[in-house]
PDB file of N, CA and C in Angstrom:
ATOM      1  N   MET A   1     -21.767 -11.508 -70.631  1.00  0.00           N
ATOM      2  CA  MET A   1     -22.401 -12.717 -70.169  1.00  0.00           C
ATOM      3  C   MET A   1     -22.737 -12.553 -68.690  1.00  0.00           C
ATOM      4  N   LEU A   2     -23.961 -12.894 -68.350  1.00  0.00           N
ATOM      5  CA  LEU A   2     -24.391 -12.779 -66.963  1.00  0.00           C
ATOM      6  C   LEU A   2     -24.314 -14.139 -66.281  1.00  0.00           C
ATOM      7  N   THR A   3     -23.790 -14.139 -65.092  1.00  0.00           N
ATOM      8  CA  THR A   3     -23.735 -15.358 -64.290  1.00  0.00           C
ATOM      9  C   THR A   3     -24.565 -15.143 -63.034  1.00  0.00           C
ATOM     10  N   ARG A   4     -24.611 -16.144 -62.186  1.00  0.00           N
ATOM     11  CA  ARG A   4     -25.402 -16.053 -60.951  1.00  0.00           C
ATOM     12  C   ARG A   4     -24.941 -14.917 -60.046  1.00  0.00           C
ATOM     13  N   VAL A   5     -23.705 -14.561 -60.162  1.00  0.00           N
ATOM     14  CA  VAL A   5     -23.166 -13.478 -59.333  1.00  0.00           C
ATOM     15  C   VAL A   5     -23.914 -12.171 -59.591  1.00  0.00           C
ATOM     16  N   TYR A   6     -24.402 -11.989 -60.805  1.00  0.00           N
ATOM     17  CA  TYR A   6     -25.060 -10.739 -61.189  1.00  0.00           C
ATOM     18  C   TYR A   6     -26.548 -10.697 -60.837  1.00  0.00           C
ATOM     19  N   VAL A   7     -27.114 -11.820 -60.420  1.00  0.00           N
ATOM     20  CA  VAL A   7     -28.561 -11.892 -60.197  1.00  0.00           C
ATOM     21  C   VAL A   7     -29.053 -10.848 -59.190  1.00  0.00           C
ATOM     22  N   PRO A   8     -28.431 -10.687 -58.024  1.00  0.00           N
ATOM     23  CA  PRO A   8     -28.945  -9.667 -57.088  1.00  0.00           C
ATOM     24  C   PRO A   8     -28.916  -8.250 -57.664  1.00  0.00           C
ATOM     25  N   ALA A   9     -27.849  -7.896 -58.352  1.00  0.00           N
ATOM     26  CA  ALA A   9     -27.771  -6.549 -58.936  1.00  0.00           C
ATOM     27  C   ALA A   9     -28.796  -6.385 -60.051  1.00  0.00           C
ATOM     28  N   LEU A  10     -28.992  -7.428 -60.849  1.00  0.00           N
ATOM     29  CA  LEU A  10     -29.989  -7.361 -61.918  1.00  0.00           C
ATOM     30  C   LEU A  10     -31.393  -7.266 -61.329  1.00  0.00           C
ATOM     31  N   ALA A  11     -31.647  -8.006 -60.254  1.00  0.00           N
ATOM     32  CA  ALA A  11     -32.949  -7.929 -59.584  1.00  0.00           C
ATOM     33  C   ALA A  11     -33.174  -6.528 -59.014  1.00  0.00           C
ATOM     34  N   ALA A  12     -32.137  -5.938 -58.437  1.00  0.00           N
ATOM     35  CA  ALA A  12     -32.252  -4.579 -57.898  1.00  0.00           C
ATOM     36  C   ALA A  12     -32.530  -3.581 -59.018  1.00  0.00           C
ATOM     37  N   TYR A  13     -31.867  -3.768 -60.169  1.00  0.00           N
ATOM     38  CA  TYR A  13     -32.109  -2.903 -61.329  1.00  0.00           C
ATOM     39  C   TYR A  13     -33.570  -3.017 -61.764  1.00  0.00           C
ATOM     40  N   CYS A  14     -34.049  -4.243 -61.882  1.00  0.00           N
ATOM     41  CA  CYS A  14     -35.438  -4.457 -62.317  1.00  0.00           C
ATOM     42  C   CYS A  14     -36.423  -3.862 -61.321  1.00  0.00           C
ATOM     43  N   HIS A  15     -36.151  -4.030 -60.033  1.00  0.00           N
ATOM     44  CA  HIS A  15     -37.025  -3.470 -59.003  1.00  0.00           C
ATOM     45  C   HIS A  15     -37.046  -1.943 -59.088  1.00  0.00           C
ATOM     46  N   ALA A  16     -35.869  -1.341 -59.192  1.00  0.00           N
ATOM     47  CA  ALA A  16     -35.793   0.121 -59.283  1.00  0.00           C
ATOM     48  C   ALA A  16     -36.518   0.621 -60.527  1.00  0.00           C
ATOM     49  N   PHE A  17     -36.347  -0.092 -61.646  1.00  0.00           N
ATOM     50  CA  PHE A  17     -37.025   0.304 -62.879  1.00  0.00           C
ATOM     51  C   PHE A  17     -38.538   0.213 -62.710  1.00  0.00           C
ATOM     52  N   GLY A  18     -39.014  -0.872 -62.095  1.00  0.00           N
ATOM     53  CA  GLY A  18     -40.453  -1.034 -61.869  1.00  0.00           C
ATOM     54  C   GLY A  18     -41.020   0.061 -60.979  1.00  0.00           C
ATOM     55  N   GLN A  19     -40.297   0.385 -59.913  1.00  0.00           N
ATOM     56  CA  GLN A  19     -40.745   1.443 -59.009  1.00  0.00           C
ATOM     57  C   GLN A  19     -40.739   2.802 -59.708  1.00  0.00           C
ATOM     58  N   TRP A  20     -39.692   3.054 -60.507  1.00  0.00           N
ATOM     59  CA  TRP A  20     -39.617   4.309 -61.256  1.00  0.00           C
ATOM     60  C   TRP A  20     -40.794   4.427 -62.219  1.00  0.00           C
ATOM     61  N   ARG A  21     -41.069   3.349 -62.932  1.00  0.00           N
ATOM     62  CA  ARG A  21     -42.156   3.386 -63.915  1.00  0.00           C
ATOM     63  C   ARG A  21     -43.510   3.582 -63.239  1.00  0.00           C
ATOM     64  N   MET A  22     -43.744   2.866 -62.146  1.00  0.00           N
ATOM     65  CA  MET A  22     -45.014   2.982 -61.442  1.00  0.00           C
ATOM     66  C   MET A  22     -45.211   4.410 -60.909  1.00  0.00           C
ATOM     67  N   ALA A  23     -44.175   4.970 -60.309  1.00  0.00           N
ATOM     68  CA  ALA A  23     -44.273   6.336 -59.784  1.00  0.00           C
ATOM     69  C   ALA A  23     -44.427   7.348 -60.917  1.00  0.00           C
ATOM     70  N   SER A  24     -43.736   7.127 -62.022  1.00  0.00           N
ATOM     71  CA  SER A  24     -43.844   8.030 -63.177  1.00  0.00           C
ATOM     72  C   SER A  24     -45.249   8.016 -63.751  1.00  0.00           C
ATOM     73  N   GLU A  25     -45.843   6.836 -63.836  1.00  0.00           N
ATOM     74  CA  GLU A  25     -47.209   6.733 -64.363  1.00  0.00           C
ATOM     75  C   GLU A  25     -48.205   7.401 -63.422  1.00  0.00           C
ATOM     76  N   ALA A  26     -48.019   7.226 -62.114  1.00  0.00           N
ATOM     77  CA  ALA A  26     -48.908   7.875 -61.146  1.00  0.00           C
ATOM     78  C   ALA A  26     -48.774   9.395 -61.234  1.00  0.00           C
ATOM     79  N   LEU A  27     -47.554   9.881 -61.387  1.00  0.00           N
ATOM     80  CA  LEU A  27     -47.330  11.323 -61.523  1.00  0.00           C
ATOM     81  C   LEU A  27     -47.937  11.843 -62.823  1.00  0.00           C
ATOM     82  N   ALA A  28     -47.827  11.069 -63.893  1.00  0.00           N
ATOM     83  CA  ALA A  28     -48.412  11.474 -65.183  1.00  0.00           C
ATOM     84  C   ALA A  28     -49.929  11.604 -65.076  1.00  0.00           C
ATOM     85  N   LYS A  29     -50.573  10.704 -64.328  1.00  0.00           N
ATOM     86  CA  LYS A  29     -52.026  10.796 -64.135  1.00  0.00           C
ATOM     87  C   LYS A  29     -52.381  12.070 -63.379  1.00  0.00           C
ATOM     88  N   MET A  30     -51.575  12.398 -62.369  1.00  0.00           N
ATOM     89  CA  MET A  30     -51.833  13.624 -61.616  1.00  0.00           C
ATOM     90  C   MET A  30     -51.598  14.855 -62.489  1.00  0.00           C
ATOM     91  N   GLN A  31     -50.595  14.795 -63.358  1.00  0.00           N
ATOM     92  CA  GLN A  31     -50.302  15.915 -64.255  1.00  0.00           C
ATOM     93  C   GLN A  31     -51.454  16.148 -65.220  1.00  0.00           C
ATOM     94  N   ALA A  32     -52.078  15.071 -65.683  1.00  0.00           N
ATOM     95  CA  ALA A  32     -53.198  15.201 -66.614  1.00  0.00           C
ATOM     96  C   ALA A  32     -54.398  15.874 -65.949  1.00  0.00           C
ATOM     97  N   LYS A  33     -54.556  15.663 -64.640  1.00  0.00           N
ATOM     98  CA  LYS A  33     -55.682  16.243 -63.912  1.00  0.00           C
ATOM     99  C   LYS A  33     -55.412  17.670 -63.434  1.00  0.00           C
ATOM    100  N   ASP A  34     -54.161  18.093 -63.459  1.00  0.00           N
ATOM    101  CA  ASP A  34     -53.783  19.401 -62.922  1.00  0.00           C
ATOM    102  C   ASP A  34     -52.962  20.178 -63.953  1.00  0.00           C
ATOM    103  N   PRO A  35     -53.635  20.865 -64.897  1.00  0.00           N
ATOM    104  CA  PRO A  35     -52.901  21.571 -65.951  1.00  0.00           C
ATOM    105  C   PRO A  35     -52.120  22.791 -65.454  1.00  0.00           C
ATOM    106  N   VAL A  36     -52.448  23.302 -64.296  1.00  0.00           N
ATOM    107  CA  VAL A  36     -51.769  24.493 -63.786  1.00  0.00           C
ATOM    108  C   VAL A  36     -50.418  24.131 -63.156  1.00  0.00           C
ATOM    109  N   MET A  37     -50.422  23.217 -62.218  1.00  0.00           N
ATOM    110  CA  MET A  37     -49.193  22.841 -61.504  1.00  0.00           C
ATOM    111  C   MET A  37     -48.614  21.513 -61.983  1.00  0.00           C
ATOM    112  N   ASN A  38     -49.296  20.877 -62.921  1.00  0.00           N
ATOM    113  CA  ASN A  38     -48.837  19.596 -63.478  1.00  0.00           C
ATOM    114  C   ASN A  38     -48.597  18.528 -62.424  1.00  0.00           C
ATOM    115  N   GLY A  39     -49.296  18.596 -61.327  1.00  0.00           N
ATOM    116  CA  GLY A  39     -49.155  17.584 -60.288  1.00  0.00           C
ATOM    117  C   GLY A  39     -47.876  17.692 -59.487  1.00  0.00           C
ATOM    118  N   LEU A  40     -47.061  18.689 -59.762  1.00  0.00           N
ATOM    119  CA  LEU A  40     -45.781  18.825 -59.064  1.00  0.00           C
ATOM    120  C   LEU A  40     -45.947  19.432 -57.674  1.00  0.00           C
ATOM    121  N   ILE A  41     -46.964  20.266 -57.518  1.00  0.00           N
ATOM    122  CA  ILE A  41     -47.257  20.898 -56.233  1.00  0.00           C
ATOM    123  C   ILE A  41     -48.625  20.406 -55.780  1.00  0.00           C
ATOM    124  N   ILE A  42     -48.703  19.977 -54.533  1.00  0.00           N
ATOM    125  CA  ILE A  42     -49.968  19.516 -53.967  1.00  0.00           C
ATOM    126  C   ILE A  42     -50.236  20.279 -52.672  1.00  0.00           C
ATOM    127  N   LYS A  43     -51.426  20.118 -52.144  1.00  0.00           N
ATOM    128  CA  LYS A  43     -51.744  20.714 -50.846  1.00  0.00           C
ATOM    129  C   LYS A  43     -51.374  19.712 -49.759  1.00  0.00           C
ATOM    130  N   SER A  44     -50.701  20.216 -48.732  1.00  0.00           N
ATOM    131  CA  SER A  44     -50.369  19.353 -47.598  1.00  0.00           C
ATOM    132  C   SER A  44     -51.618  19.140 -46.761  1.00  0.00           C
ATOM    133  N   ARG A  45     -51.507  18.309 -45.751  1.00  0.00           N
ATOM    134  CA  ARG A  45     -52.681  18.062 -44.909  1.00  0.00           C
ATOM    135  C   ARG A  45     -53.088  19.312 -44.133  1.00  0.00           C
ATOM    136  N   TYR A  46     -52.195  20.303 -44.056  1.00  0.00           N
ATOM    137  CA  TYR A  46     -52.504  21.562 -43.384  1.00  0.00           C
ATOM    138  C   TYR A  46     -52.963  22.641 -44.360  1.00  0.00           C
ATOM    139  N   GLY A  47     -53.055  22.285 -45.650  1.00  0.00           N
ATOM    140  CA  GLY A  47     -53.524  23.222 -46.657  1.00  0.00           C
ATOM    141  C   GLY A  47     -52.439  24.036 -47.332  1.00  0.00           C
ATOM    142  N   ASP A  48     -51.199  23.832 -46.930  1.00  0.00           N
ATOM    143  CA  ASP A  48     -50.078  24.552 -47.541  1.00  0.00           C
ATOM    144  C   ASP A  48     -49.663  23.863 -48.835  1.00  0.00           C
ATOM    145  N   ALA A  49     -49.020  24.630 -49.705  1.00  0.00           N
ATOM    146  CA  ALA A  49     -48.473  24.052 -50.935  1.00  0.00           C
ATOM    147  C   ALA A  49     -47.205  23.272 -50.583  1.00  0.00           C
ATOM    148  N   ALA A  50     -47.072  22.099 -51.187  1.00  0.00           N
ATOM    149  CA  ALA A  50     -45.898  21.254 -50.930  1.00  0.00           C
ATOM    150  C   ALA A  50     -45.544  20.506 -52.204  1.00  0.00           C
ATOM    151  N   MET A  51     -44.278  20.152 -52.312  1.00  0.00           N
ATOM    152  CA  MET A  51     -43.862  19.361 -53.470  1.00  0.00           C
ATOM    153  C   MET A  51     -44.493  17.972 -53.368  1.00  0.00           C
ATOM    154  N   ASN A  52     -44.971  17.488 -54.483  1.00  0.00           N
ATOM    155  CA  ASN A  52     -45.571  16.165 -54.544  1.00  0.00           C
ATOM    156  C   ASN A  52     -44.507  15.117 -54.195  1.00  0.00           C
ATOM    157  N   PRO A  53     -44.764  14.248 -53.218  1.00  0.00           N
ATOM    158  CA  PRO A  53     -43.793  13.212 -52.856  1.00  0.00           C
ATOM    159  C   PRO A  53     -43.439  12.295 -54.026  1.00  0.00           C
ATOM    160  N   LEU A  54     -44.334  12.179 -54.998  1.00  0.00           N
ATOM    161  CA  LEU A  54     -44.035  11.345 -56.165  1.00  0.00           C
ATOM    162  C   LEU A  54     -42.838  11.877 -56.948  1.00  0.00           C
ATOM    163  N   VAL A  55     -42.635  13.187 -56.919  1.00  0.00           N
ATOM    164  CA  VAL A  55     -41.487  13.772 -57.620  1.00  0.00           C
ATOM    165  C   VAL A  55     -40.192  13.240 -57.014  1.00  0.00           C
ATOM    166  N   THR A  56     -40.122  13.213 -55.695  1.00  0.00           N
ATOM    167  CA  THR A  56     -38.939  12.690 -55.007  1.00  0.00           C
ATOM    168  C   THR A  56     -38.752  11.209 -55.291  1.00  0.00           C
ATOM    169  N   ILE A  57     -39.836  10.466 -55.290  1.00  0.00           N
ATOM    170  CA  ILE A  57     -39.764   9.024 -55.549  1.00  0.00           C
ATOM    171  C   ILE A  57     -39.277   8.763 -56.972  1.00  0.00           C
ATOM    172  N   VAL A  58     -39.819   9.504 -57.933  1.00  0.00           N
ATOM    173  CA  VAL A  58     -39.395   9.339 -59.333  1.00  0.00           C
ATOM    174  C   VAL A  58     -37.903   9.643 -59.471  1.00  0.00           C
ATOM    175  N   ARG A  59     -37.459  10.739 -58.873  1.00  0.00           N
ATOM    176  CA  ARG A  59     -36.033  11.110 -58.954  1.00  0.00           C
ATOM    177  C   ARG A  59     -35.138  10.044 -58.337  1.00  0.00           C
ATOM    178  N   LYS A  60     -35.513   9.552 -57.159  1.00  0.00           N
ATOM    179  CA  LYS A  60     -34.689   8.563 -56.466  1.00  0.00           C
ATOM    180  C   LYS A  60     -34.551   7.296 -57.291  1.00  0.00           C
ATOM    181  N   HIS A  61     -35.672   6.794 -57.781  1.00  0.00           N
ATOM    182  CA  HIS A  61     -35.617   5.544 -58.544  1.00  0.00           C
ATOM    183  C   HIS A  61     -34.962   5.747 -59.907  1.00  0.00           C
ATOM    184  N   ALA A  62     -35.113   6.913 -60.504  1.00  0.00           N
ATOM    185  CA  ALA A  62     -34.415   7.187 -61.768  1.00  0.00           C
ATOM    186  C   ALA A  62     -32.905   7.165 -61.545  1.00  0.00           C
ATOM    187  N   ALA A  63     -32.456   7.755 -60.444  1.00  0.00           N
ATOM    188  CA  ALA A  63     -31.019   7.736 -60.130  1.00  0.00           C
ATOM    189  C   ALA A  63     -30.541   6.307 -59.888  1.00  0.00           C
ATOM    190  N   ASP A  64     -31.365   5.505 -59.198  1.00  0.00           N
ATOM    191  CA  ASP A  64     -31.006   4.097 -58.967  1.00  0.00           C
ATOM    192  C   ASP A  64     -30.904   3.338 -60.283  1.00  0.00           C
ATOM    193  N   VAL A  65     -31.862   3.561 -61.177  1.00  0.00           N
ATOM    194  CA  VAL A  65     -31.858   2.871 -62.477  1.00  0.00           C
ATOM    195  C   VAL A  65     -30.591   3.212 -63.248  1.00  0.00           C
ATOM    196  N   VAL A  66     -30.240   4.485 -63.284  1.00  0.00           N
ATOM    197  CA  VAL A  66     -29.035   4.898 -64.015  1.00  0.00           C
ATOM    198  C   VAL A  66     -27.789   4.290 -63.377  1.00  0.00           C
ATOM    199  N   ARG A  67     -27.737   4.272 -62.050  1.00  0.00           N
ATOM    200  CA  ARG A  67     -26.575   3.702 -61.362  1.00  0.00           C
ATOM    201  C   ARG A  67     -26.420   2.215 -61.669  1.00  0.00           C
ATOM    202  N   TYR A  68     -27.517   1.461 -61.595  1.00  0.00           N
ATOM    203  CA  TYR A  68     -27.452   0.029 -61.912  1.00  0.00           C
ATOM    204  C   TYR A  68     -27.144  -0.189 -63.392  1.00  0.00           C
ATOM    205  N   ALA A  69     -27.735   0.626 -64.250  1.00  0.00           N
ATOM    206  CA  ALA A  69     -27.474   0.492 -65.690  1.00  0.00           C
ATOM    207  C   ALA A  69     -25.996   0.699 -65.985  1.00  0.00           C
ATOM    208  N   ALA A  70     -25.380   1.640 -65.304  1.00  0.00           N
ATOM    209  CA  ALA A  70     -23.944   1.876 -65.498  1.00  0.00           C
ATOM    210  C   ALA A  70     -23.136   0.663 -65.063  1.00  0.00           C
ATOM    211  N   GLU A  71     -23.567  -0.004 -64.003  1.00  0.00           N
ATOM    212  CA  GLU A  71     -22.861  -1.199 -63.530  1.00  0.00           C
ATOM    213  C   GLU A  71     -22.871  -2.307 -64.586  1.00  0.00           C
ATOM    214  N   PHE A  72     -23.929  -2.357 -65.364  1.00  0.00           N
ATOM    215  CA  PHE A  72     -24.041  -3.384 -66.402  1.00  0.00           C
ATOM    216  C   PHE A  72     -23.562  -2.889 -67.764  1.00  0.00           C
ATOM    217  N   GLY A  73     -23.012  -1.689 -67.820  1.00  0.00           N
ATOM    218  CA  GLY A  73     -22.510  -1.156 -69.086  1.00  0.00           C
ATOM    219  C   GLY A  73     -23.614  -0.735 -70.033  1.00  0.00           C
ATOM    220  N   LEU A  74     -24.753  -0.312 -69.490  1.00  0.00           N
ATOM    221  CA  LEU A  74     -25.909   0.030 -70.318  1.00  0.00           C
ATOM    222  C   LEU A  74     -26.044   1.524 -70.593  1.00  0.00           C
ATOM    223  N   THR A  75     -25.093   2.313 -70.147  1.00  0.00           N
ATOM    224  CA  THR A  75     -25.118   3.745 -70.438  1.00  0.00           C
ATOM    225  C   THR A  75     -23.994   4.063 -71.423  1.00  0.00           C
ATOM    226  N   PRO A  76     -24.128   5.144 -72.180  1.00  0.00           N
ATOM    227  CA  PRO A  76     -23.065   5.496 -73.133  1.00  0.00           C
ATOM    228  C   PRO A  76     -21.701   5.677 -72.463  1.00  0.00           C
ATOM    229  N   VAL A  77     -21.679   6.308 -71.303  1.00  0.00           N
ATOM    230  CA  VAL A  77     -20.406   6.523 -70.610  1.00  0.00           C
ATOM    231  C   VAL A  77     -19.801   5.190 -70.183  1.00  0.00           C
ATOM    232  N   ALA A  78     -20.632   4.304 -69.634  1.00  0.00           N
ATOM    233  CA  ALA A  78     -20.123   2.996 -69.202  1.00  0.00           C
ATOM    234  C   ALA A  78     -19.603   2.201 -70.392  1.00  0.00           C
ATOM    235  N   ARG A  79     -20.312   2.278 -71.527  1.00  0.00           N
ATOM    236  CA  ARG A  79     -19.854   1.559 -72.727  1.00  0.00           C
ATOM    237  C   ARG A  79     -18.532   2.117 -73.226  1.00  0.00           C
ATOM    238  N   SER A  80     -18.371   3.430 -73.166  1.00  0.00           N
ATOM    239  CA  SER A  80     -17.107   4.011 -73.630  1.00  0.00           C
ATOM    240  C   SER A  80     -15.960   3.606 -72.714  1.00  0.00           C
ATOM    241  N   ARG A  81     -16.226   3.466 -71.424  1.00  0.00           N
ATOM    242  CA  ARG A  81     -15.187   3.015 -70.493  1.00  0.00           C
ATOM    243  C   ARG A  81     -14.801   1.568 -70.771  1.00  0.00           C
ATOM    244  N   ILE A  82     -15.798   0.751 -71.074  1.00  0.00           N
ATOM    245  CA  ILE A  82     -15.519  -0.652 -71.393  1.00  0.00           C
ATOM    246  C   ILE A  82     -14.693  -0.726 -72.665  1.00  0.00           C
ATOM    247  N   ALA A  83     -15.099   0.043 -73.688  1.00  0.00           N
ATOM    248  CA  ALA A  83     -14.372   0.033 -74.959  1.00  0.00           C
ATOM    249  C   ALA A  83     -12.950   0.544 -74.774  1.00  0.00           C
ATOM    250  N   ALA A  84     -12.772   1.559 -73.945  1.00  0.00           N
ATOM    251  CA  ALA A  84     -11.431   2.095 -73.705  1.00  0.00           C
ATOM    252  C   ALA A  84     -10.563   1.062 -72.996  1.00  0.00           C
ATOM    253  N   GLY A  85     -11.170   0.290 -72.120  1.00  0.00           N
ATOM    254  CA  GLY A  85     -10.423  -0.739 -71.402  1.00  0.00           C
ATOM    255  C   GLY A  85      -9.993  -1.876 -72.301  1.00  0.00           C
ATOM    256  N   ILE A  86     -10.797  -2.194 -73.303  1.00  0.00           N
ATOM    257  CA  ILE A  86     -10.473  -3.285 -74.220  1.00  0.00           C
ATOM    258  C   ILE A  86      -9.317  -2.891 -75.122  1.00  0.00           C
ATOM    259  N   ASN A  87      -9.324  -1.664 -75.596  1.00  0.00           N
ATOM    260  CA  ASN A  87      -8.304  -1.213 -76.543  1.00  0.00           C
ATOM    261  C   ASN A  87      -7.055  -0.656 -75.866  1.00  0.00           C
ATOM    262  N   ALA A  88      -7.096  -0.509 -74.558  1.00  0.00           N
ATOM    263  CA  ALA A  88      -5.958   0.092 -73.864  1.00  0.00           C
ATOM    264  C   ALA A  88      -4.769  -0.865 -73.865  1.00  0.00           C
ATOM    265  N   THR A  89      -3.617  -0.299 -74.059  1.00  0.00           N
ATOM    266  CA  THR A  89      -2.403  -1.118 -73.988  1.00  0.00           C
ATOM    267  C   THR A  89      -1.973  -1.182 -72.535  1.00  0.00           C
ATOM    268  N   GLN A  90      -1.671  -2.378 -72.094  1.00  0.00           N
ATOM    269  CA  GLN A  90      -1.281  -2.563 -70.705  1.00  0.00           C
ATOM    270  C   GLN A  90       0.233  -2.561 -70.590  1.00  0.00           C
ATOM    271  N   LEU A  91       0.705  -1.872 -69.588  1.00  0.00           N
ATOM    272  CA  LEU A  91       2.132  -1.848 -69.321  1.00  0.00           C
ATOM    273  C   LEU A  91       2.537  -3.152 -68.637  1.00  0.00           C
ATOM    274  N   PRO A  92       3.733  -3.599 -68.857  1.00  0.00           N
ATOM    275  CA  PRO A  92       4.179  -4.824 -68.202  1.00  0.00           C
ATOM    276  C   PRO A  92       4.188  -4.655 -66.683  1.00  0.00           C
ATOM    277  N   SER A  93       3.878  -5.734 -66.006  1.00  0.00           N
ATOM    278  CA  SER A  93       3.850  -5.740 -64.555  1.00  0.00           C
ATOM    279  C   SER A  93       4.871  -6.738 -64.033  1.00  0.00           C
ATOM    280  N   LYS A  94       5.350  -6.488 -62.837  1.00  0.00           N
ATOM    281  CA  LYS A  94       6.296  -7.433 -62.253  1.00  0.00           C
ATOM    282  C   LYS A  94       5.619  -8.760 -61.915  1.00  0.00           C
ATOM    283  N   PHE A  95       4.279  -8.790 -61.961  1.00  0.00           N
ATOM    284  CA  PHE A  95       3.552 -10.009 -61.669  1.00  0.00           C
ATOM    285  C   PHE A  95       3.179 -10.792 -62.927  1.00  0.00           C
ATOM    286  N   ASP A  96       3.499 -10.262 -64.100  1.00  0.00           N
ATOM    287  CA  ASP A  96       3.234 -10.986 -65.349  1.00  0.00           C
ATOM    288  C   ASP A  96       3.954 -12.329 -65.308  1.00  0.00           C
ATOM    289  N   GLY A  97       3.273 -13.359 -65.714  1.00  0.00           N
ATOM    290  CA  GLY A  97       3.873 -14.685 -65.749  1.00  0.00           C
ATOM    291  C   GLY A  97       3.796 -15.425 -64.426  1.00  0.00           C
ATOM    292  N   LEU A  98       3.269 -14.785 -63.386  1.00  0.00           N
ATOM    293  CA  LEU A  98       3.162 -15.436 -62.089  1.00  0.00           C
ATOM    294  C   LEU A  98       2.183 -16.602 -62.149  1.00  0.00           C
ATOM    295  N   LEU A  99       1.070 -16.381 -62.812  1.00  0.00           N
ATOM    296  CA  LEU A  99       0.069 -17.440 -62.969  1.00  0.00           C
ATOM    297  C   LEU A  99       0.122 -17.977 -64.378  1.00  0.00           C
ATOM    298  N   ARG A 100       0.198 -19.280 -64.491  1.00  0.00           N
ATOM    299  CA  ARG A 100       0.226 -19.896 -65.822  1.00  0.00           C
ATOM    300  C   ARG A 100      -0.751 -21.021 -65.904  1.00  0.00           C
TER     301      ARG A 100
END
C-alpha cells in the first residue's frame, strides 16, 4: 500500500523511467541510421571518435530505475527479500511487550 510518504520516491522513479525511455528511443533512432557503429560512437566537435553521450544517459537512468524499483519491491531480488522477511522467525527481544 502506498501512502503520501512514498510520493517523492514514486515521482523520482517515474521521472527516471521517463528519462531512460526518452534517451533509449533517441539512441534507437541513431542506431537505425548508423548500421556500422549503431550510434554508439559519434564524431566529437574536433572530428575524433567519441562515445555517444546518450549511452551514458541511458545507463545512468537505467541504474536509477532499477534502484527505485528495488525500493518498491519491484525486482525479483527485492521480492525475495520481502518474502524472506515475512516468513522469517523472529527471536524474542528484551523489548517485546514494551508497547501494547
